[in-house]
Amino acid sequence: MLLTGASRGIGHATVKMFLGQGWRVLTVSRQPFSEDCLWPSARESHIQADLADLSQIDRLAATVRERLNGCPLHALVNNAGISPKAADGGRLGVAETDADVWTKVLNVNLVSIALLARALMPELERAGGSIVNVTSIAGSRVHPFAGVAYAASKAGLAALTRELAHEFGARGIRANAIAPGEIATSILSPGTDQLVEAEVPMKRLGTTQEVAETILFLCSERSSYINGAEIHINGGQHV
């Protein structure tokens, strides 16, 4: 399995979940390998790449093939994403978002995912693999914390998931998405507790383990006829 955005939160929990199930996991991050990382075989599993720079995608795919050493790729989990904030920590609306922010957010959150899936299609096809894209509740509604570029990128990623499911399905590759809502991580925005109380029917945050369990399900044979779906993981916040 290849997982982007593995250093914290949902990505970190997903790596632990898959390793616990006996998967071999390759991770991608724009940061160099951290010596504080305690995952088994973490150093040789880490690949450094900046997904904002689309010229790095072909090199990243080549490195993945080299690490696979002839083995197929059973899962591609696109979890990396960025959500820039204003200087005061507030959300960036249309009026506050310039072209550089739009380009960086769309490259990381959307375009790089399409190009990486395209580049690794042969390896995924050989495995009858699964693609899981991490969208967001912000992709389908205006969110008080997520900026406009982030929201637009996640709405686009939901559409890309459908396109991948349609185009890659005949090759035996399934593509699905998960759309988390308010998940307990180290980077929650101030005011999340009040948002949960007001908008989440279950009146609690989700856990990264609950998200990782869903990703594992979508990468397993238990979901073998699920293709083109977007699963909401938000305690009913979307209803």
C-alpha atoms as a PDB file:
ATOM      1  CA  MET A   1       0.000   0.000   0.000  1.00  0.00           C
ATOM      2  CA  LEU A   2       1.132   3.532  -0.803  1.00  0.00           C
ATOM      3  CA  LEU A   3      -0.130   6.228   1.569  1.00  0.00           C
ATOM      4  CA  THR A   4       0.398   9.952   1.177  1.00  0.00           C
ATOM      5  CA  GLY A   5       0.227  12.242   4.199  1.00  0.00           C
ATOM      6  CA  ALA A   6       1.273   9.679   6.789  1.00  0.00           C
ATOM      7  CA  SER A   7       2.971  11.793   9.434  1.00  0.00           C
ATOM      8  CA  ARG A   8       0.039  12.546  11.727  1.00  0.00           C
ATOM      9  CA  GLY A   9      -3.674  12.219  12.367  1.00  0.00           C
ATOM     10  CA  ILE A  10      -5.623  10.009   9.966  1.00  0.00           C
ATOM     11  CA  GLY A  11      -2.504   9.024   8.024  1.00  0.00           C
ATOM     12  CA  HIS A  12      -0.601   7.943  11.127  1.00  0.00           C
ATOM     13  CA  ALA A  13      -3.550   5.884  12.375  1.00  0.00           C
ATOM     14  CA  THR A  14      -3.964   4.290   8.943  1.00  0.00           C
ATOM     15  CA  VAL A  15      -0.341   3.190   8.798  1.00  0.00           C
ATOM     16  CA  LYS A  16      -0.641   1.562  12.222  1.00  0.00           C
ATOM     17  CA  MET A  17      -3.895  -0.144  11.222  1.00  0.00           C
ATOM     18  CA  PHE A  18      -2.482  -1.601   8.004  1.00  0.00           C
ATOM     19  CA  LEU A  19       0.796  -2.675   9.601  1.00  0.00           C
ATOM     20  CA  GLY A  20      -1.211  -4.459  12.277  1.00  0.00           C
ATOM     21  CA  GLN A  21      -2.987  -6.395   9.511  1.00  0.00           C
ATOM     22  CA  GLY A  22       0.299  -7.494   7.941  1.00  0.00           C
ATOM     23  CA  TRP A  23       0.406  -5.033   5.044  1.00  0.00           C
ATOM     24  CA  ARG A  24       3.631  -3.599   3.697  1.00  0.00           C
ATOM     25  CA  VAL A  25       3.225   0.177   3.704  1.00  0.00           C
ATOM     26  CA  LEU A  26       5.087   2.802   1.686  1.00  0.00           C
ATOM     27  CA  THR A  27       4.587   6.391   2.860  1.00  0.00           C
ATOM     28  CA  VAL A  28       4.994   9.752   1.137  1.00  0.00           C
ATOM     29  CA  SER A  29       5.699  13.052   2.872  1.00  0.00           C
ATOM     30  CA  ARG A  30       7.226  16.363   1.871  1.00  0.00           C
ATOM     31  CA  GLN A  31       9.319  16.147   5.053  1.00  0.00           C
ATOM     32  CA  PRO A  32      12.503  14.038   5.319  1.00  0.00           C
ATOM     33  CA  PHE A  33      12.449  10.877   7.405  1.00  0.00           C
ATOM     34  CA  SER A  34      12.197  11.597  11.127  1.00  0.00           C
ATOM     35  CA  GLU A  35      14.402   9.654  13.505  1.00  0.00           C
ATOM     36  CA  ASP A  36      11.561   9.888  16.046  1.00  0.00           C
ATOM     37  CA  CYS A  37       9.455   7.563  13.884  1.00  0.00           C
ATOM     38  CA  LEU A  38       8.994   4.200  15.602  1.00  0.00           C
ATOM     39  CA  TRP A  39       7.173   2.309  12.811  1.00  0.00           C
ATOM     40  CA  PRO A  40       8.850  -0.984  11.872  1.00  0.00           C
ATOM     41  CA  SER A  41      10.919  -0.574   8.683  1.00  0.00           C
ATOM     42  CA  ALA A  42       9.892   3.098   8.596  1.00  0.00           C
ATOM     43  CA  ARG A  43      13.108   4.414   7.078  1.00  0.00           C
ATOM     44  CA  GLU A  44      13.036   2.181   4.002  1.00  0.00           C
ATOM     45  CA  SER A  45       9.276   2.749   3.655  1.00  0.00           C
ATOM     46  CA  HIS A  46       9.516   6.549   3.580  1.00  0.00           C
ATOM     47  CA  ILE A  47       9.608   8.502   0.302  1.00  0.00           C
ATOM     48  CA  GLN A  48      10.132  12.250   0.364  1.00  0.00           C
ATOM     49  CA  ALA A  49       8.198  14.216  -2.255  1.00  0.00           C
ATOM     50  CA  ASP A  50       6.404  17.561  -2.406  1.00  0.00           C
ATOM     51  CA  LEU A  51       3.049  16.981  -4.096  1.00  0.00           C
ATOM     52  CA  ALA A  52       2.685  20.713  -4.719  1.00  0.00           C
ATOM     53  CA  ASP A  53       5.437  20.335  -7.327  1.00  0.00           C
ATOM     54  CA  LEU A  54       3.807  18.308 -10.092  1.00  0.00           C
ATOM     55  CA  SER A  55       7.168  17.768 -11.793  1.00  0.00           C
ATOM     56  CA  GLN A  56       8.011  15.369  -8.933  1.00  0.00           C
ATOM     57  CA  ILE A  57       5.167  12.942  -9.647  1.00  0.00           C
ATOM     58  CA  ASP A  58       6.991  10.865 -12.272  1.00  0.00           C
ATOM     59  CA  ARG A  59      10.049  10.590 -10.022  1.00  0.00           C
ATOM     60  CA  LEU A  60       7.816   9.570  -7.114  1.00  0.00           C
ATOM     61  CA  ALA A  61       6.127   6.873  -9.211  1.00  0.00           C
ATOM     62  CA  ALA A  62       9.518   5.585 -10.364  1.00  0.00           C
ATOM     63  CA  THR A  63      10.697   5.380  -6.745  1.00  0.00           C
ATOM     64  CA  VAL A  64       7.549   3.473  -5.794  1.00  0.00           C
ATOM     65  CA  ARG A  65       8.189   0.949  -8.601  1.00  0.00           C
ATOM     66  CA  GLU A  66      11.750   0.545  -7.428  1.00  0.00           C
ATOM     67  CA  ARG A  67      10.591  -0.114  -3.856  1.00  0.00           C
ATOM     68  CA  LEU A  68       7.942  -2.563  -5.075  1.00  0.00           C
ATOM     69  CA  ASN A  69      10.668  -4.512  -6.897  1.00  0.00           C
ATOM     70  CA  GLY A  70       8.262  -6.156  -9.300  1.00  0.00           C
ATOM     71  CA  CYS A  71       5.407  -6.610  -6.838  1.00  0.00           C
ATOM     72  CA  PRO A  72       1.949  -5.181  -7.617  1.00  0.00           C
ATOM     73  CA  LEU A  73       0.405  -2.281  -5.687  1.00  0.00           C
ATOM     74  CA  HIS A  74      -2.720  -3.353  -3.847  1.00  0.00           C
ATOM     75  CA  ALA A  75      -3.820   0.037  -2.542  1.00  0.00           C
ATOM     76  CA  LEU A  76      -3.219   3.738  -3.094  1.00  0.00           C
ATOM     77  CA  VAL A  77      -4.530   5.920  -0.270  1.00  0.00           C
ATOM     78  CA  ASN A  78      -4.463   9.638  -1.056  1.00  0.00           C
ATOM     79  CA  ASN A  79      -4.590  11.291   2.351  1.00  0.00           C
ATOM     80  CA  ALA A  80      -2.217  14.239   1.891  1.00  0.00           C
ATOM     81  CA  GLY A  81      -3.965  17.582   1.931  1.00  0.00           C
ATOM     82  CA  ILE A  82      -3.365  21.196   2.878  1.00  0.00           C
ATOM     83  CA  SER A  83      -5.773  23.851   4.172  1.00  0.00           C
ATOM     84  CA  PRO A  84      -4.066  27.245   4.443  1.00  0.00           C
ATOM     85  CA  LYS A  85      -5.336  29.708   7.036  1.00  0.00           C
ATOM     86  CA  ALA A  86      -5.285  33.474   7.380  1.00  0.00           C
ATOM     87  CA  ALA A  87      -2.645  35.105   9.574  1.00  0.00           C
ATOM     88  CA  ASP A  88      -5.108  35.122  12.490  1.00  0.00           C
ATOM     89  CA  GLY A  89      -5.974  31.462  11.939  1.00  0.00           C
ATOM     90  CA  GLY A  90      -9.278  32.198  10.245  1.00  0.00           C
ATOM     91  CA  ARG A  91     -10.605  30.711   7.010  1.00  0.00           C
ATOM     92  CA  LEU A  92      -9.579  32.073   3.628  1.00  0.00           C
ATOM     93  CA  GLY A  93     -12.544  33.063   1.488  1.00  0.00           C
ATOM     94  CA  VAL A  94     -12.528  33.993  -2.187  1.00  0.00           C
ATOM     95  CA  ALA A  95     -11.504  37.590  -1.469  1.00  0.00           C
ATOM     96  CA  GLU A  96      -8.503  36.486   0.616  1.00  0.00           C
ATOM     97  CA  THR A  97      -7.233  33.678  -1.627  1.00  0.00           C
ATOM     98  CA  ASP A  98      -4.688  34.570  -4.296  1.00  0.00           C
ATOM     99  CA  ALA A  99      -3.529  32.571  -7.317  1.00  0.00           C
ATOM    100  CA  ASP A 100      -0.513  31.083  -5.533  1.00  0.00           C
ATOM    101  CA  VAL A 101      -2.710  29.622  -2.778  1.00  0.00           C
ATOM    102  CA  TRP A 102      -5.182  28.251  -5.324  1.00  0.00           C
ATOM    103  CA  THR A 103      -2.387  26.609  -7.312  1.00  0.00           C
ATOM    104  CA  LYS A 104      -0.683  25.024  -4.303  1.00  0.00           C
ATOM    105  CA  VAL A 105      -3.896  23.702  -2.739  1.00  0.00           C
ATOM    106  CA  LEU A 106      -5.259  22.286  -5.997  1.00  0.00           C
ATOM    107  CA  ASN A 107      -1.920  20.685  -6.878  1.00  0.00           C
ATOM    108  CA  VAL A 108      -1.622  18.898  -3.523  1.00  0.00           C
ATOM    109  CA  ASN A 109      -5.273  18.080  -2.903  1.00  0.00           C
ATOM    110  CA  LEU A 110      -6.427  17.206  -6.425  1.00  0.00           C
ATOM    111  CA  VAL A 111      -4.127  17.327  -9.462  1.00  0.00           C
ATOM    112  CA  SER A 112      -1.259  15.321  -7.934  1.00  0.00           C
ATOM    113  CA  ILE A 113      -3.742  12.580  -7.023  1.00  0.00           C
ATOM    114  CA  ALA A 114      -4.932  12.235 -10.611  1.00  0.00           C
ATOM    115  CA  LEU A 115      -1.366  12.165 -11.916  1.00  0.00           C
ATOM    116  CA  LEU A 116      -0.189   9.649  -9.309  1.00  0.00           C
ATOM    117  CA  ALA A 117      -3.102   7.304 -10.046  1.00  0.00           C
ATOM    118  CA  ARG A 118      -2.327   7.632 -13.754  1.00  0.00           C
ATOM    119  CA  ALA A 119       1.355   6.884 -13.236  1.00  0.00           C
ATOM    120  CA  LEU A 120       0.752   3.852 -10.993  1.00  0.00           C
ATOM    121  CA  MET A 121      -2.192   2.408 -12.944  1.00  0.00           C
ATOM    122  CA  PRO A 122      -0.173  -0.602 -14.246  1.00  0.00           C
ATOM    123  CA  GLU A 123       0.906  -1.615 -10.740  1.00  0.00           C
ATOM    124  CA  LEU A 124      -2.632  -1.192  -9.399  1.00  0.00           C
ATOM    125  CA  GLU A 125      -4.094  -3.149 -12.326  1.00  0.00           C
ATOM    126  CA  ARG A 126      -1.790  -6.092 -11.710  1.00  0.00           C
ATOM    127  CA  ALA A 127      -3.070  -6.318  -8.138  1.00  0.00           C
ATOM    128  CA  GLY A 128      -6.727  -5.597  -8.838  1.00  0.00           C
ATOM    129  CA  GLY A 129      -6.042  -2.772  -6.425  1.00  0.00           C
ATOM    130  CA  SER A 130      -8.050  -0.150  -4.619  1.00  0.00           C
ATOM    131  CA  ILE A 131      -7.762   3.643  -4.605  1.00  0.00           C
ATOM    132  CA  VAL A 132      -9.098   5.512  -1.576  1.00  0.00           C
ATOM    133  CA  ASN A 133      -9.273   9.301  -1.695  1.00  0.00           C
ATOM    134  CA  VAL A 134      -9.759  11.339   1.477  1.00  0.00           C
ATOM    135  CA  THR A 135     -12.250  14.101   0.733  1.00  0.00           C
ATOM    136  CA  SER A 136     -14.036  16.130   3.431  1.00  0.00           C
ATOM    137  CA  ILE A 137     -17.405  17.294   4.625  1.00  0.00           C
ATOM    138  CA  ALA A 138     -16.168  20.706   3.461  1.00  0.00           C
ATOM    139  CA  GLY A 139     -16.427  19.462  -0.121  1.00  0.00           C
ATOM    140  CA  SER A 140     -20.222  19.444   0.028  1.00  0.00           C
ATOM    141  CA  ARG A 141     -21.078  22.380   2.317  1.00  0.00           C
ATOM    142  CA  VAL A 142     -19.661  25.699   3.489  1.00  0.00           C
ATOM    143  CA  HIS A 143     -17.569  24.985   6.566  1.00  0.00           C
ATOM    144  CA  PRO A 144     -16.664  27.577   9.209  1.00  0.00           C
ATOM    145  CA  PHE A 145     -12.993  26.555   9.335  1.00  0.00           C
ATOM    146  CA  ALA A 146     -12.112  25.234   5.865  1.00  0.00           C
ATOM    147  CA  GLY A 147     -11.169  27.813   3.236  1.00  0.00           C
ATOM    148  CA  VAL A 148     -12.568  28.121  -0.260  1.00  0.00           C
ATOM    149  CA  ALA A 149      -9.596  26.547  -2.057  1.00  0.00           C
ATOM    150  CA  TYR A 150      -9.632  23.541   0.284  1.00  0.00           C
ATOM    151  CA  ALA A 151     -13.397  23.109  -0.110  1.00  0.00           C
ATOM    152  CA  ALA A 152     -13.218  23.373  -3.900  1.00  0.00           C
ATOM    153  CA  SER A 153     -10.347  20.888  -4.048  1.00  0.00           C
ATOM    154  CA  LYS A 154     -12.268  18.346  -1.971  1.00  0.00           C
ATOM    155  CA  ALA A 155     -15.399  18.746  -4.093  1.00  0.00           C
ATOM    156  CA  GLY A 156     -13.179  18.201  -7.125  1.00  0.00           C
ATOM    157  CA  LEU A 157     -11.656  15.129  -5.501  1.00  0.00           C
ATOM    158  CA  ALA A 158     -15.109  13.616  -5.050  1.00  0.00           C
ATOM    159  CA  ALA A 159     -15.690  14.109  -8.779  1.00  0.00           C
ATOM    160  CA  LEU A 160     -12.256  12.679  -9.585  1.00  0.00           C
ATOM    161  CA  THR A 161     -13.121   9.606  -7.511  1.00  0.00           C
ATOM    162  CA  ARG A 162     -16.179   8.987  -9.672  1.00  0.00           C
ATOM    163  CA  GLU A 163     -14.112   9.450 -12.830  1.00  0.00           C
ATOM    164  CA  LEU A 164     -11.474   6.992 -11.604  1.00  0.00           C
ATOM    165  CA  ALA A 165     -14.153   4.462 -10.680  1.00  0.00           C
ATOM    166  CA  HIS A 166     -15.671   4.755 -14.149  1.00  0.00           C
ATOM    167  CA  GLU A 167     -12.400   4.654 -16.082  1.00  0.00           C
ATOM    168  CA  PHE A 168     -10.345   2.212 -14.003  1.00  0.00           C
ATOM    169  CA  GLY A 169     -13.176  -0.152 -13.051  1.00  0.00           C
ATOM    170  CA  ALA A 170     -12.828  -2.174 -16.252  1.00  0.00           C
ATOM    171  CA  ARG A 171      -9.179  -2.702 -15.341  1.00  0.00           C
ATOM    172  CA  GLY A 172     -10.168  -4.251 -12.012  1.00  0.00           C
ATOM    173  CA  ILE A 173      -9.189  -1.164 -10.007  1.00  0.00           C
ATOM    174  CA  ARG A 174     -11.801   0.201  -7.604  1.00  0.00           C
ATOM    175  CA  ALA A 175     -11.848   3.869  -6.552  1.00  0.00           C
ATOM    176  CA  ASN A 176     -13.765   5.170  -3.560  1.00  0.00           C
ATOM    177  CA  ALA A 177     -13.600   8.104  -1.188  1.00  0.00           C
ATOM    178  CA  ILE A 178     -14.129   8.777   2.483  1.00  0.00           C
ATOM    179  CA  ALA A 179     -15.396  12.168   3.652  1.00  0.00           C
ATOM    180  CA  PRO A 180     -14.432  12.781   7.288  1.00  0.00           C
ATOM    181  CA  GLY A 181     -16.140  15.425   9.371  1.00  0.00           C
ATOM    182  CA  GLU A 182     -14.824  16.539  12.758  1.00  0.00           C
ATOM    183  CA  ILE A 183     -12.103  14.042  13.704  1.00  0.00           C
ATOM    184  CA  ALA A 184     -10.030  14.212  16.898  1.00  0.00           C
ATOM    185  CA  THR A 185      -6.510  15.156  15.802  1.00  0.00           C
ATOM    186  CA  SER A 186      -3.805  17.485  17.069  1.00  0.00           C
ATOM    187  CA  ILE A 187      -4.786  20.264  14.621  1.00  0.00           C
ATOM    188  CA  LEU A 188      -8.430  20.907  15.510  1.00  0.00           C
ATOM    189  CA  SER A 189      -9.531  24.508  15.059  1.00  0.00           C
ATOM    190  CA  PRO A 190     -10.731  26.546  18.048  1.00  0.00           C
ATOM    191  CA  GLY A 191     -14.499  26.322  18.254  1.00  0.00           C
ATOM    192  CA  THR A 192     -14.719  22.700  17.116  1.00  0.00           C
ATOM    193  CA  ASP A 193     -16.356  21.619  20.390  1.00  0.00           C
ATOM    194  CA  GLN A 194     -19.196  24.095  19.856  1.00  0.00           C
ATOM    195  CA  LEU A 195     -19.555  22.994  16.232  1.00  0.00           C
ATOM    196  CA  VAL A 196     -19.824  19.350  17.270  1.00  0.00           C
ATOM    197  CA  GLU A 197     -22.444  20.147  19.878  1.00  0.00           C
ATOM    198  CA  ALA A 198     -24.529  22.155  17.423  1.00  0.00           C
ATOM    199  CA  GLU A 199     -24.194  20.118  14.209  1.00  0.00           C
ATOM    200  CA  VAL A 200     -23.176  16.503  14.917  1.00  0.00           C
ATOM    201  CA  PRO A 201     -26.136  14.290  15.919  1.00  0.00           C
ATOM    202  CA  MET A 202     -23.829  11.892  17.784  1.00  0.00           C
ATOM    203  CA  LYS A 203     -22.438  14.803  19.843  1.00  0.00           C
ATOM    204  CA  ARG A 204     -18.823  13.696  19.703  1.00  0.00           C
ATOM    205  CA  LEU A 205     -15.705  13.856  17.590  1.00  0.00           C
ATOM    206  CA  GLY A 206     -14.782  10.917  15.415  1.00  0.00           C
ATOM    207  CA  THR A 207     -11.529   9.079  16.036  1.00  0.00           C
ATOM    208  CA  THR A 208      -8.679   8.526  13.631  1.00  0.00           C
ATOM    209  CA  GLN A 209      -9.058   4.782  14.242  1.00  0.00           C
ATOM    210  CA  GLU A 210     -12.669   4.899  13.023  1.00  0.00           C
ATOM    211  CA  VAL A 211     -11.469   6.552   9.825  1.00  0.00           C
ATOM    212  CA  ALA A 212      -8.596   4.080   9.406  1.00  0.00           C
ATOM    213  CA  GLU A 213     -10.998   1.145   9.828  1.00  0.00           C
ATOM    214  CA  THR A 214     -13.080   2.438   6.930  1.00  0.00           C
ATOM    215  CA  ILE A 215     -10.006   2.864   4.729  1.00  0.00           C
ATOM    216  CA  LEU A 216      -8.965  -0.699   5.533  1.00  0.00           C
ATOM    217  CA  PHE A 217     -12.441  -1.947   4.623  1.00  0.00           C
ATOM    218  CA  LEU A 218     -12.327  -0.172   1.250  1.00  0.00           C
ATOM    219  CA  CYS A 219      -8.918  -1.727   0.510  1.00  0.00           C
ATOM    220  CA  SER A 220     -10.073  -5.241   1.376  1.00  0.00           C
ATOM    221  CA  GLU A 221     -12.046  -7.938  -0.406  1.00  0.00           C
ATOM    222  CA  ARG A 222     -14.946  -7.207   1.948  1.00  0.00           C
ATOM    223  CA  SER A 223     -15.729  -4.196  -0.241  1.00  0.00           C
ATOM    224  CA  SER A 224     -15.095  -5.948  -3.562  1.00  0.00           C
ATOM    225  CA  TYR A 225     -18.241  -4.586  -5.269  1.00  0.00           C
ATOM    226  CA  ILE A 226     -18.052  -1.047  -3.892  1.00  0.00           C
ATOM    227  CA  ASN A 227     -16.797   1.341  -6.551  1.00  0.00           C
ATOM    228  CA  GLY A 228     -17.303   5.093  -6.946  1.00  0.00           C
ATOM    229  CA  ALA A 229     -18.712   5.569  -3.435  1.00  0.00           C
ATOM    230  CA  GLU A 230     -18.038   8.414  -1.010  1.00  0.00           C
ATOM    231  CA  ILE A 231     -18.524   7.278   2.578  1.00  0.00           C
ATOM    232  CA  HIS A 232     -19.396   9.959   5.144  1.00  0.00           C
ATOM    233  CA  ILE A 233     -17.553   9.564   8.453  1.00  0.00           C
ATOM    234  CA  ASN A 234     -19.028  12.390  10.467  1.00  0.00           C
ATOM    235  CA  GLY A 235     -21.538  11.131  13.025  1.00  0.00           C
ATOM    236  CA  GLY A 236     -24.424  12.348  10.862  1.00  0.00           C
ATOM    237  CA  GLN A 237     -23.138  15.914  10.418  1.00  0.00           C
ATOM    238  CA  HIS A 238     -23.973  15.800   6.690  1.00  0.00           C
ATOM    239  CA  VAL A 239     -27.692  15.057   7.119  1.00  0.00           C
END
